[in-house]
Amino acid sequence: MICITVTQSDGEYVSVESEGHAGYGEEGQDIICAAVSALIVNTVNSVEAFTKDRILSESGDGYVYFSFPDGYSKDTELLVKSLLLGLGSIRRDYGTQYLEIAFKEV
């Protein structure tokens, strides 16, 4: 299962962490893993390319984390909301056994 944790403080996004594998298909053929990875990587790349906001990110096998150490603009907020919309659609369409999305307040 892929576990996404969205950390917020006073309604503001602090970080997004994704870990695990969906287990929907064989490694290299898992369309849920591919879709989640594409959405997250595209969000990080879009923040870097289209905003002046600083984003810190790290990734490894089955793991991606990004955060906004200096806050963020409305453009970045929209990109993160778009990511969450896409992730929610995947979860709804393919099932909760493959993708979990949790929100944590700090």
N, C-alpha and C. Protein backbone atom coordinates (compact mmCIF):
# COMPACT_ATOMS: atom_id res chain seq x y z
N MET A 1 0.83 -1.17 0.00
CA MET A 1 0.00 0.00 0.00
C MET A 1 0.89 1.25 0.00
N ILE A 2 0.45 2.25 -0.73
CA ILE A 2 1.11 3.55 -0.71
C ILE A 2 0.43 4.38 0.37
N CYS A 3 1.23 4.94 1.27
CA CYS A 3 0.71 5.79 2.34
C CYS A 3 1.18 7.21 2.11
N ILE A 4 0.23 8.12 1.92
CA ILE A 4 0.53 9.53 1.73
C ILE A 4 0.17 10.24 3.03
N THR A 5 1.10 11.02 3.56
CA THR A 5 0.83 11.83 4.74
C THR A 5 1.02 13.29 4.37
N VAL A 6 -0.05 14.06 4.52
CA VAL A 6 -0.02 15.50 4.27
C VAL A 6 -0.01 16.18 5.63
N THR A 7 1.08 16.87 5.92
CA THR A 7 1.21 17.55 7.19
C THR A 7 0.84 19.02 7.00
N GLN A 8 -0.02 19.51 7.92
CA GLN A 8 -0.48 20.88 7.86
C GLN A 8 -0.31 21.55 9.22
N SER A 9 -0.20 22.87 9.17
CA SER A 9 -0.17 23.67 10.39
C SER A 9 -1.06 24.88 10.16
N ASP A 10 -2.11 25.00 10.96
CA ASP A 10 -3.08 26.09 10.83
C ASP A 10 -3.62 26.20 9.40
N GLY A 11 -3.92 25.05 8.78
CA GLY A 11 -4.49 25.04 7.44
C GLY A 11 -3.49 25.22 6.32
N GLU A 12 -2.22 25.40 6.65
CA GLU A 12 -1.17 25.57 5.64
C GLU A 12 -0.43 24.25 5.45
N TYR A 13 -0.09 23.94 4.21
CA TYR A 13 0.69 22.73 3.94
C TYR A 13 2.11 22.90 4.45
N VAL A 14 2.60 21.90 5.16
CA VAL A 14 3.98 21.88 5.64
C VAL A 14 4.80 20.92 4.80
N SER A 15 4.26 19.72 4.57
CA SER A 15 4.99 18.71 3.81
C SER A 15 4.03 17.64 3.29
N VAL A 16 4.55 16.89 2.32
CA VAL A 16 3.84 15.72 1.78
C VAL A 16 4.86 14.59 1.74
N GLU A 17 4.46 13.43 2.27
CA GLU A 17 5.33 12.27 2.29
C GLU A 17 4.57 11.09 1.68
N SER A 18 5.23 10.39 0.79
CA SER A 18 4.66 9.19 0.17
C SER A 18 5.63 8.04 0.37
N GLU A 19 5.10 6.93 0.89
CA GLU A 19 5.97 5.77 1.05
C GLU A 19 5.20 4.48 0.79
N GLY A 20 5.93 3.52 0.25
CA GLY A 20 5.36 2.22 -0.02
C GLY A 20 5.06 1.98 -1.48
N HIS A 21 4.57 0.81 -1.75
CA HIS A 21 4.20 0.39 -3.10
C HIS A 21 2.75 -0.09 -3.08
N ALA A 22 2.04 0.18 -4.13
CA ALA A 22 0.61 -0.14 -4.16
C ALA A 22 0.35 -1.64 -4.12
N GLY A 23 1.14 -2.41 -4.84
CA GLY A 23 0.88 -3.84 -4.91
C GLY A 23 -0.26 -4.19 -5.85
N TYR A 24 -0.61 -3.27 -6.73
CA TYR A 24 -1.69 -3.49 -7.69
C TYR A 24 -1.25 -4.40 -8.82
N GLY A 25 0.01 -4.27 -9.22
CA GLY A 25 0.56 -5.07 -10.31
C GLY A 25 2.02 -5.41 -10.03
N GLU A 26 2.61 -6.13 -10.94
CA GLU A 26 4.02 -6.49 -10.80
C GLU A 26 4.88 -5.24 -10.84
N GLU A 27 6.06 -5.33 -10.20
CA GLU A 27 6.99 -4.21 -10.21
C GLU A 27 7.30 -3.83 -11.66
N GLY A 28 7.21 -2.56 -11.95
CA GLY A 28 7.42 -2.07 -13.31
C GLY A 28 6.15 -2.05 -14.14
N GLN A 29 5.09 -2.68 -13.64
CA GLN A 29 3.82 -2.73 -14.35
C GLN A 29 2.66 -2.20 -13.51
N ASP A 30 2.98 -1.69 -12.33
CA ASP A 30 1.95 -1.25 -11.40
C ASP A 30 1.46 0.16 -11.78
N ILE A 31 0.27 0.24 -12.33
CA ILE A 31 -0.23 1.52 -12.83
C ILE A 31 -0.56 2.50 -11.70
N ILE A 32 -0.89 2.01 -10.53
CA ILE A 32 -1.16 2.91 -9.41
C ILE A 32 0.13 3.56 -8.94
N CYS A 33 1.18 2.75 -8.77
CA CYS A 33 2.49 3.31 -8.39
C CYS A 33 2.95 4.34 -9.43
N ALA A 34 2.78 4.01 -10.69
CA ALA A 34 3.21 4.92 -11.76
C ALA A 34 2.42 6.22 -11.72
N ALA A 35 1.12 6.13 -11.51
CA ALA A 35 0.28 7.33 -11.48
C ALA A 35 0.61 8.21 -10.29
N VAL A 36 0.76 7.61 -9.12
CA VAL A 36 1.09 8.37 -7.91
C VAL A 36 2.46 9.03 -8.07
N SER A 37 3.42 8.28 -8.56
CA SER A 37 4.77 8.84 -8.77
C SER A 37 4.74 10.00 -9.76
N ALA A 38 4.01 9.83 -10.84
CA ALA A 38 3.94 10.89 -11.85
C ALA A 38 3.31 12.16 -11.27
N LEU A 39 2.24 12.01 -10.51
CA LEU A 39 1.61 13.18 -9.90
C LEU A 39 2.53 13.90 -8.93
N ILE A 40 3.21 13.14 -8.08
CA ILE A 40 4.07 13.76 -7.08
C ILE A 40 5.30 14.41 -7.73
N VAL A 41 5.96 13.70 -8.61
CA VAL A 41 7.14 14.25 -9.28
C VAL A 41 6.77 15.48 -10.10
N ASN A 42 5.62 15.43 -10.77
CA ASN A 42 5.18 16.58 -11.55
C ASN A 42 4.88 17.78 -10.64
N THR A 43 4.33 17.54 -9.48
CA THR A 43 4.07 18.64 -8.54
C THR A 43 5.37 19.30 -8.10
N VAL A 44 6.35 18.50 -7.70
CA VAL A 44 7.65 19.05 -7.29
C VAL A 44 8.29 19.83 -8.44
N ASN A 45 8.29 19.23 -9.63
CA ASN A 45 8.89 19.90 -10.79
C ASN A 45 8.15 21.18 -11.15
N SER A 46 6.83 21.17 -11.02
CA SER A 46 6.03 22.36 -11.34
C SER A 46 6.29 23.49 -10.35
N VAL A 47 6.39 23.16 -9.07
CA VAL A 47 6.72 24.19 -8.08
C VAL A 47 8.07 24.81 -8.42
N GLU A 48 9.05 23.96 -8.75
CA GLU A 48 10.39 24.46 -9.09
C GLU A 48 10.38 25.30 -10.37
N ALA A 49 9.61 24.89 -11.37
CA ALA A 49 9.64 25.56 -12.68
C ALA A 49 8.75 26.80 -12.76
N PHE A 50 7.63 26.79 -12.06
CA PHE A 50 6.63 27.84 -12.27
C PHE A 50 6.43 28.79 -11.10
N THR A 51 7.14 28.56 -10.00
CA THR A 51 7.03 29.48 -8.86
C THR A 51 8.43 29.86 -8.39
N LYS A 52 8.48 30.82 -7.52
CA LYS A 52 9.75 31.22 -6.91
C LYS A 52 9.88 30.62 -5.51
N ASP A 53 8.93 29.77 -5.14
CA ASP A 53 8.93 29.17 -3.81
C ASP A 53 10.05 28.15 -3.69
N ARG A 54 10.61 28.08 -2.49
CA ARG A 54 11.65 27.08 -2.22
C ARG A 54 10.98 25.79 -1.77
N ILE A 55 11.35 24.71 -2.42
CA ILE A 55 10.82 23.40 -2.07
C ILE A 55 12.00 22.47 -1.82
N LEU A 56 11.94 21.75 -0.73
CA LEU A 56 12.96 20.74 -0.43
C LEU A 56 12.34 19.39 -0.71
N SER A 57 13.09 18.53 -1.39
CA SER A 57 12.54 17.21 -1.70
C SER A 57 13.62 16.15 -1.60
N GLU A 58 13.18 14.95 -1.32
CA GLU A 58 14.07 13.79 -1.30
C GLU A 58 13.27 12.59 -1.77
N SER A 59 13.96 11.65 -2.36
CA SER A 59 13.26 10.46 -2.85
C SER A 59 14.19 9.25 -2.81
N GLY A 60 13.57 8.10 -2.79
CA GLY A 60 14.26 6.82 -2.82
C GLY A 60 13.27 5.77 -3.29
N ASP A 61 13.62 4.53 -3.20
CA ASP A 61 12.75 3.46 -3.65
C ASP A 61 11.44 3.47 -2.86
N GLY A 62 10.36 3.82 -3.53
CA GLY A 62 9.06 3.82 -2.90
C GLY A 62 8.87 4.96 -1.90
N TYR A 63 9.69 6.00 -1.99
CA TYR A 63 9.62 7.09 -1.02
C TYR A 63 9.83 8.43 -1.70
N VAL A 64 8.96 9.39 -1.38
CA VAL A 64 9.13 10.78 -1.82
C VAL A 64 8.63 11.67 -0.69
N TYR A 65 9.39 12.73 -0.43
CA TYR A 65 9.04 13.70 0.60
C TYR A 65 9.33 15.09 0.04
N PHE A 66 8.41 16.02 0.27
CA PHE A 66 8.74 17.40 -0.04
C PHE A 66 8.10 18.33 0.98
N SER A 67 8.75 19.49 1.16
CA SER A 67 8.28 20.47 2.14
C SER A 67 8.58 21.88 1.65
N PHE A 68 7.97 22.83 2.33
CA PHE A 68 8.09 24.25 1.99
C PHE A 68 8.65 24.99 3.20
N PRO A 69 9.97 25.05 3.34
CA PRO A 69 10.56 25.63 4.55
C PRO A 69 10.30 27.12 4.74
N ASP A 70 10.01 27.83 3.66
CA ASP A 70 9.79 29.28 3.75
C ASP A 70 8.34 29.67 3.44
N GLY A 71 7.42 28.72 3.52
CA GLY A 71 6.05 29.00 3.13
C GLY A 71 5.92 28.89 1.62
N TYR A 72 4.79 29.34 1.09
CA TYR A 72 4.55 29.18 -0.34
C TYR A 72 3.52 30.19 -0.83
N SER A 73 3.47 30.31 -2.14
CA SER A 73 2.55 31.25 -2.80
C SER A 73 1.22 30.56 -3.11
N LYS A 74 0.28 31.34 -3.61
CA LYS A 74 -1.01 30.80 -4.05
C LYS A 74 -0.82 29.81 -5.20
N ASP A 75 0.18 30.06 -6.06
CA ASP A 75 0.44 29.14 -7.17
C ASP A 75 0.83 27.75 -6.66
N THR A 76 1.71 27.72 -5.67
CA THR A 76 2.12 26.44 -5.10
C THR A 76 0.96 25.77 -4.37
N GLU A 77 0.17 26.56 -3.68
CA GLU A 77 -1.01 26.01 -3.01
C GLU A 77 -1.93 25.32 -4.02
N LEU A 78 -2.14 25.95 -5.15
CA LEU A 78 -2.98 25.37 -6.20
C LEU A 78 -2.37 24.07 -6.73
N LEU A 79 -1.06 24.04 -6.91
CA LEU A 79 -0.40 22.82 -7.38
C LEU A 79 -0.56 21.68 -6.38
N VAL A 80 -0.43 21.97 -5.10
CA VAL A 80 -0.61 20.92 -4.08
C VAL A 80 -2.06 20.46 -4.04
N LYS A 81 -3.00 21.39 -4.15
CA LYS A 81 -4.41 20.99 -4.19
C LYS A 81 -4.70 20.11 -5.41
N SER A 82 -4.08 20.42 -6.53
CA SER A 82 -4.24 19.61 -7.73
C SER A 82 -3.68 18.20 -7.51
N LEU A 83 -2.52 18.11 -6.86
CA LEU A 83 -1.94 16.81 -6.51
C LEU A 83 -2.92 16.02 -5.66
N LEU A 84 -3.47 16.65 -4.63
CA LEU A 84 -4.38 15.94 -3.74
C LEU A 84 -5.67 15.52 -4.44
N LEU A 85 -6.14 16.33 -5.37
CA LEU A 85 -7.30 15.97 -6.16
C LEU A 85 -7.01 14.70 -6.98
N GLY A 86 -5.86 14.68 -7.63
CA GLY A 86 -5.48 13.51 -8.43
C GLY A 86 -5.30 12.27 -7.58
N LEU A 87 -4.64 12.41 -6.44
CA LEU A 87 -4.46 11.27 -5.54
C LEU A 87 -5.80 10.76 -5.03
N GLY A 88 -6.69 11.67 -4.69
CA GLY A 88 -8.02 11.27 -4.23
C GLY A 88 -8.79 10.52 -5.30
N SER A 89 -8.63 10.94 -6.54
CA SER A 89 -9.31 10.25 -7.65
C SER A 89 -8.78 8.84 -7.83
N ILE A 90 -7.48 8.67 -7.71
CA ILE A 90 -6.89 7.33 -7.82
C ILE A 90 -7.42 6.44 -6.69
N ARG A 91 -7.44 6.98 -5.49
CA ARG A 91 -7.92 6.21 -4.33
C ARG A 91 -9.39 5.81 -4.52
N ARG A 92 -10.19 6.74 -4.99
CA ARG A 92 -11.61 6.46 -5.21
C ARG A 92 -11.82 5.42 -6.31
N ASP A 93 -11.07 5.55 -7.41
CA ASP A 93 -11.27 4.68 -8.56
C ASP A 93 -10.69 3.28 -8.39
N TYR A 94 -9.59 3.16 -7.64
CA TYR A 94 -8.91 1.86 -7.53
C TYR A 94 -9.05 1.20 -6.17
N GLY A 95 -9.40 1.95 -5.15
CA GLY A 95 -9.66 1.34 -3.86
C GLY A 95 -8.68 1.73 -2.77
N THR A 96 -9.22 1.69 -1.56
CA THR A 96 -8.44 2.08 -0.39
C THR A 96 -7.38 1.07 -0.01
N GLN A 97 -7.43 -0.11 -0.57
CA GLN A 97 -6.41 -1.11 -0.24
C GLN A 97 -5.07 -0.82 -0.91
N TYR A 98 -5.04 0.13 -1.86
CA TYR A 98 -3.81 0.44 -2.58
C TYR A 98 -3.22 1.79 -2.21
N LEU A 99 -4.06 2.71 -1.75
CA LEU A 99 -3.62 4.07 -1.49
C LEU A 99 -4.35 4.64 -0.28
N GLU A 100 -3.56 5.09 0.70
CA GLU A 100 -4.10 5.72 1.88
C GLU A 100 -3.62 7.17 1.90
N ILE A 101 -4.51 8.10 2.23
CA ILE A 101 -4.15 9.50 2.32
C ILE A 101 -4.55 9.98 3.71
N ALA A 102 -3.57 10.42 4.49
CA ALA A 102 -3.83 10.89 5.85
C ALA A 102 -3.39 12.35 5.98
N PHE A 103 -4.13 13.10 6.76
CA PHE A 103 -3.79 14.49 7.05
C PHE A 103 -3.40 14.59 8.51
N LYS A 104 -2.30 15.26 8.75
CA LYS A 104 -1.77 15.38 10.11
C LYS A 104 -1.57 16.86 10.42
N GLU A 105 -2.08 17.29 11.55
CA GLU A 105 -1.92 18.68 12.00
C GLU A 105 -0.78 18.75 12.99
N VAL A 106 0.12 19.72 12.79
CA VAL A 106 1.23 19.91 13.74
C VAL A 106 1.19 21.30 14.32
